[in-house]
Amino acid sequence: MNESNQSFRTLAVDIGGSGIKVMVLDTDGQPLSDRQRLKTPHPAKPENVIDTILTLAKQQEFDRVSVGFPGVVQNGLIKTAVNLNSDWLQYDLATSLTQLLSKPVKVANDADIQGFGAISGKGVELVLTLGTGFGSALFVSGKLVPNLEMGHHPFRKGETYEEQLGRAALEKEGKKKWNNRLEKAIANLDRLFSYDALYIGGGETKNINFDLPSNAKIIPNVNGLLGGIKLWTS
């Protein structure tokens, strides 16, 4: 699509383990609507999640769609969906929504999209999302390193980052232990990537109670929608 002389309204969709959010963006990625949210249905099978997206989409006017999905996505095809349902594996979400909405649809990992909405485009930048799971995205000079999925890599005591820092771990172990683990994770990832900047998003950032390093900051959840414009412009 030639963006230079046309105006497109993009419906940005953020699929999370607890909520599904939408917002309409203009061609420059600025909001044209308030954020709308519905609870993620359970079981979070494809047909149930898509029905929720269709319900939210009916309230909006748009020309194209960007979707953030909590898992590995390759060419619109879902490869992992640990925090939703196994029925998602190999599901072609982009094609399905394109047919149902009669609009072009692009799908990417939700942390990747949140990162697009946050990064400066300079140096090595790491994005972490703390919610139902543990999302991650890595950018080098503004270019995405695809499908990092750091949350499912080994972290400590035989467990992954997500097992130690996901919402279930927070609820089980409490804020003090969760914060201690997060501080260790940040130090570990800094040594691993030597990043220039770290951005931390997601609903559980409200529970962070320690001072972050000078090169790290908390970003608002709305970035998970605002970054959707980059699927069409980058």
Protein backbone atom coordinates (compact mmCIF):
# COMPACT_ATOMS: atom_id res chain seq x y z
CA MET A 1 0.00 0.00 0.00
CA ASN A 2 1.27 3.45 -0.87
CA GLU A 3 0.98 5.51 2.30
CA SER A 4 2.13 8.77 0.73
CA ASN A 5 -1.19 9.93 -0.71
CA GLN A 6 -3.75 7.72 0.98
CA SER A 7 -5.22 7.57 4.46
CA PHE A 8 -5.82 4.21 6.14
CA ARG A 9 -7.54 3.41 9.40
CA THR A 10 -5.88 0.48 11.16
CA LEU A 11 -7.72 -1.64 13.72
CA ALA A 12 -5.04 -2.65 16.22
CA VAL A 13 -5.89 -5.80 18.19
CA ASP A 14 -3.99 -7.03 21.25
CA ILE A 15 -4.80 -10.61 22.31
CA GLY A 16 -3.80 -11.27 25.92
CA GLY A 17 -4.27 -14.10 28.36
CA SER A 18 -6.79 -12.09 30.37
CA GLY A 19 -8.11 -9.45 27.95
CA ILE A 20 -8.54 -8.63 24.27
CA LYS A 21 -8.13 -4.95 23.39
CA VAL A 22 -8.71 -2.93 20.22
CA MET A 23 -8.07 0.64 19.07
CA VAL A 24 -8.28 2.37 15.70
CA LEU A 25 -5.14 4.20 14.52
CA ASP A 26 -4.66 6.73 11.75
CA THR A 27 -1.99 6.41 9.04
CA ASP A 28 0.61 7.97 11.37
CA GLY A 29 -0.24 5.54 14.19
CA GLN A 30 -2.16 8.07 16.28
CA PRO A 31 -5.33 6.92 18.09
CA LEU A 32 -8.66 7.64 16.42
CA SER A 33 -10.70 5.82 19.07
CA ASP A 34 -10.60 4.96 22.74
CA ARG A 35 -9.25 1.56 23.74
CA GLN A 36 -12.00 -1.06 23.96
CA ARG A 37 -11.56 -4.25 25.98
CA LEU A 38 -13.34 -7.54 26.59
CA LYS A 39 -12.21 -10.43 28.76
CA THR A 40 -10.40 -13.24 26.97
CA PRO A 41 -12.88 -16.12 26.73
CA HIS A 42 -12.12 -19.43 28.39
CA PRO A 43 -11.36 -21.82 26.96
CA ALA A 44 -9.39 -19.47 24.72
CA LYS A 45 -9.83 -21.55 21.59
CA PRO A 46 -9.58 -19.90 18.17
CA GLU A 47 -13.31 -19.71 17.53
CA ASN A 48 -13.99 -18.12 20.94
CA VAL A 49 -11.21 -15.55 20.66
CA ILE A 50 -12.18 -14.69 17.09
CA ASP A 51 -15.81 -14.20 18.13
CA THR A 52 -14.61 -11.71 20.75
CA ILE A 53 -12.51 -9.86 18.17
CA LEU A 54 -15.48 -9.71 15.79
CA THR A 55 -17.66 -8.29 18.57
CA LEU A 56 -15.11 -5.53 19.23
CA ALA A 57 -14.56 -4.88 15.52
CA LYS A 58 -18.26 -4.31 14.86
CA GLN A 59 -18.04 -1.10 16.87
CA GLN A 60 -15.25 0.37 14.71
CA GLU A 61 -14.60 1.65 11.20
CA PHE A 62 -11.28 0.55 9.67
CA ASP A 63 -9.49 -0.40 6.45
CA ARG A 64 -6.97 -2.96 7.69
CA VAL A 65 -6.06 -4.90 10.83
CA SER A 66 -2.94 -5.51 12.94
CA VAL A 67 -3.07 -8.28 15.54
CA GLY A 68 -0.69 -8.95 18.42
CA PHE A 69 -0.72 -12.61 19.49
CA PRO A 70 0.96 -14.10 22.61
CA GLY A 71 3.15 -16.66 20.87
CA VAL A 72 5.38 -17.33 17.89
CA VAL A 73 3.79 -16.18 14.62
CA GLN A 74 5.21 -16.92 11.17
CA ASN A 75 3.48 -15.49 8.10
CA GLY A 76 0.19 -15.24 9.98
CA LEU A 77 0.40 -18.85 11.17
CA ILE A 78 0.37 -19.53 14.93
CA LYS A 79 3.30 -21.70 16.02
CA THR A 80 2.98 -21.50 19.84
CA ALA A 81 0.17 -20.47 22.19
CA VAL A 82 1.26 -21.54 25.65
CA ASN A 83 -1.07 -19.17 27.52
CA LEU A 84 -4.16 -19.70 25.38
CA ASN A 85 -5.06 -23.14 23.99
CA SER A 86 -3.35 -25.93 22.05
CA ASP A 87 -6.00 -25.66 19.31
CA TRP A 88 -4.11 -22.58 18.09
CA LEU A 89 -1.11 -24.57 16.87
CA GLN A 90 -0.75 -24.23 13.09
CA TYR A 91 -3.87 -22.03 12.96
CA ASP A 92 -3.82 -19.45 10.15
CA LEU A 93 -5.16 -16.47 12.10
CA ALA A 94 -4.33 -13.90 9.43
CA THR A 95 -6.27 -15.71 6.70
CA SER A 96 -9.21 -16.49 8.98
CA LEU A 97 -9.64 -12.87 10.10
CA THR A 98 -9.10 -11.56 6.57
CA GLN A 99 -12.02 -13.67 5.39
CA LEU A 100 -14.30 -12.85 8.33
CA LEU A 101 -13.61 -9.10 8.39
CA SER A 102 -13.20 -8.66 4.63
CA LYS A 103 -10.14 -6.54 5.37
CA PRO A 104 -6.40 -7.23 5.02
CA VAL A 105 -4.92 -8.58 8.27
CA LYS A 106 -1.36 -8.91 9.56
CA VAL A 107 -0.47 -10.85 12.72
CA ALA A 108 2.71 -10.71 14.82
CA ASN A 109 3.91 -11.58 18.30
CA ASP A 110 2.36 -9.25 20.88
CA ALA A 111 5.67 -8.33 22.54
CA ASP A 112 7.12 -7.51 19.11
CA ILE A 113 4.26 -5.09 18.47
CA GLN A 114 4.58 -3.54 21.93
CA GLY A 115 8.24 -3.04 21.18
CA PHE A 116 7.51 -1.29 17.90
CA GLY A 117 5.42 1.15 19.90
CA ALA A 118 8.22 1.84 22.40
CA ILE A 119 11.68 1.67 20.84
CA SER A 120 13.82 4.60 19.70
CA GLY A 121 15.37 2.63 16.83
CA LYS A 122 18.91 3.14 18.10
CA GLY A 123 21.28 0.43 19.26
CA VAL A 124 20.21 -2.80 20.96
CA GLU A 125 16.80 -2.53 22.61
CA LEU A 126 15.07 -5.27 24.61
CA VAL A 127 11.36 -5.33 25.44
CA LEU A 128 9.83 -7.47 28.19
CA THR A 129 6.10 -7.87 28.88
CA LEU A 130 4.93 -9.04 32.28
CA GLY A 131 1.41 -10.39 32.20
CA THR A 132 -0.12 -13.85 32.11
CA GLY A 133 3.21 -14.95 30.68
CA PHE A 134 6.62 -13.40 30.05
CA GLY A 135 6.92 -11.84 26.59
CA SER A 136 10.07 -10.55 24.96
CA ALA A 137 11.28 -8.78 21.83
CA LEU A 138 14.75 -7.75 20.70
CA PHE A 139 15.53 -4.93 18.26
CA VAL A 140 18.86 -3.96 16.71
CA SER A 141 18.93 -0.48 15.15
CA GLY A 142 15.16 -0.62 14.94
CA LYS A 143 15.11 -4.01 13.20
CA LEU A 144 13.27 -6.85 14.93
CA VAL A 145 15.03 -10.12 15.77
CA PRO A 146 11.99 -12.39 15.21
CA ASN A 147 10.57 -15.05 17.52
CA LEU A 148 12.90 -14.55 20.47
CA GLU A 149 10.41 -16.10 22.97
CA MET A 150 12.79 -15.54 25.87
CA GLY A 151 10.05 -16.51 28.32
CA HIS A 152 10.46 -20.19 27.48
CA HIS A 153 14.24 -20.23 27.83
CA PRO A 154 15.88 -21.63 31.00
CA PHE A 155 16.29 -19.03 33.75
CA ARG A 156 17.04 -20.52 37.18
CA LYS A 157 16.42 -23.60 39.32
CA GLY A 158 15.42 -25.64 36.30
CA GLU A 159 12.59 -23.28 35.39
CA THR A 160 12.01 -20.83 32.55
CA TYR A 161 11.58 -17.06 32.82
CA GLU A 162 7.83 -17.51 32.42
CA GLU A 163 7.60 -20.22 35.09
CA GLN A 164 9.45 -17.96 37.51
CA LEU A 165 7.93 -14.60 36.52
CA GLY A 166 4.52 -15.24 34.98
CA ARG A 167 1.29 -14.27 36.76
CA ALA A 168 0.90 -17.74 38.26
CA ALA A 169 4.33 -17.44 39.91
CA LEU A 170 3.50 -13.98 41.26
CA GLU A 171 0.26 -15.21 42.79
CA LYS A 172 1.92 -18.31 44.25
CA GLU A 173 5.16 -16.83 45.57
CA GLY A 174 4.12 -13.24 46.40
CA LYS A 175 5.46 -9.85 45.38
CA LYS A 176 8.72 -9.95 47.37
CA LYS A 177 10.05 -13.15 45.82
CA TRP A 178 8.71 -12.17 42.38
CA ASN A 179 10.52 -8.81 42.53
CA ASN A 180 13.76 -10.50 43.64
CA ARG A 181 13.50 -12.85 40.68
CA LEU A 182 12.74 -10.02 38.25
CA GLU A 183 15.75 -8.04 39.44
CA LYS A 184 17.95 -11.11 38.84
CA ALA A 185 16.37 -11.65 35.42
CA ILE A 186 17.10 -8.07 34.36
CA ALA A 187 20.73 -8.38 35.44
CA ASN A 188 21.00 -11.72 33.63
CA LEU A 189 19.52 -10.38 30.40
CA ASP A 190 21.73 -7.29 30.53
CA ARG A 191 24.78 -9.54 30.63
CA LEU A 192 23.38 -11.69 27.82
CA PHE A 193 22.44 -8.92 25.36
CA SER A 194 24.41 -5.86 26.54
CA TYR A 195 21.39 -3.85 25.50
CA ASP A 196 21.33 -0.06 25.33
CA ALA A 197 17.74 0.18 26.56
CA LEU A 198 15.21 -2.05 28.28
CA TYR A 199 11.46 -1.42 28.09
CA ILE A 200 9.11 -3.26 30.45
CA GLY A 201 5.38 -3.43 29.76
CA GLY A 202 2.38 -5.55 30.71
CA GLY A 203 -0.21 -5.52 33.45
CA GLU A 204 2.10 -6.79 36.19
CA THR A 205 4.50 -3.85 35.94
CA LYS A 206 2.33 -2.26 38.66
CA ASN A 207 3.89 -4.76 41.09
CA ILE A 208 7.51 -3.72 40.48
CA ASN A 209 8.83 -2.18 43.71
CA PHE A 210 12.58 -1.85 43.15
CA ASP A 211 14.58 0.83 41.37
CA LEU A 212 15.18 -0.11 37.75
CA PRO A 213 18.60 0.41 36.14
CA SER A 214 19.15 3.79 34.49
CA ASN A 215 18.76 2.27 31.01
CA ALA A 216 15.39 0.64 31.80
CA LYS A 217 11.88 2.07 32.00
CA ILE A 218 8.27 0.97 32.30
CA ILE A 219 6.11 1.55 29.22
CA PRO A 220 2.30 1.85 29.06
CA ASN A 221 0.19 -1.10 27.91
CA VAL A 222 -1.32 0.99 25.13
CA ASN A 223 1.99 0.52 23.26
CA GLY A 224 0.75 -3.00 22.51
CA LEU A 225 -1.86 -1.38 20.28
CA LEU A 226 0.04 1.68 19.05
CA GLY A 227 2.85 -0.48 17.69
CA GLY A 228 0.40 -2.24 15.37
CA ILE A 229 0.85 0.46 12.73
CA LYS A 230 4.43 -0.75 12.18
CA LEU A 231 3.19 -4.00 10.64
CA TRP A 232 2.05 -1.87 7.70
CA THR A 233 4.82 0.73 7.55
CA SER A 234 8.06 -1.10 8.38
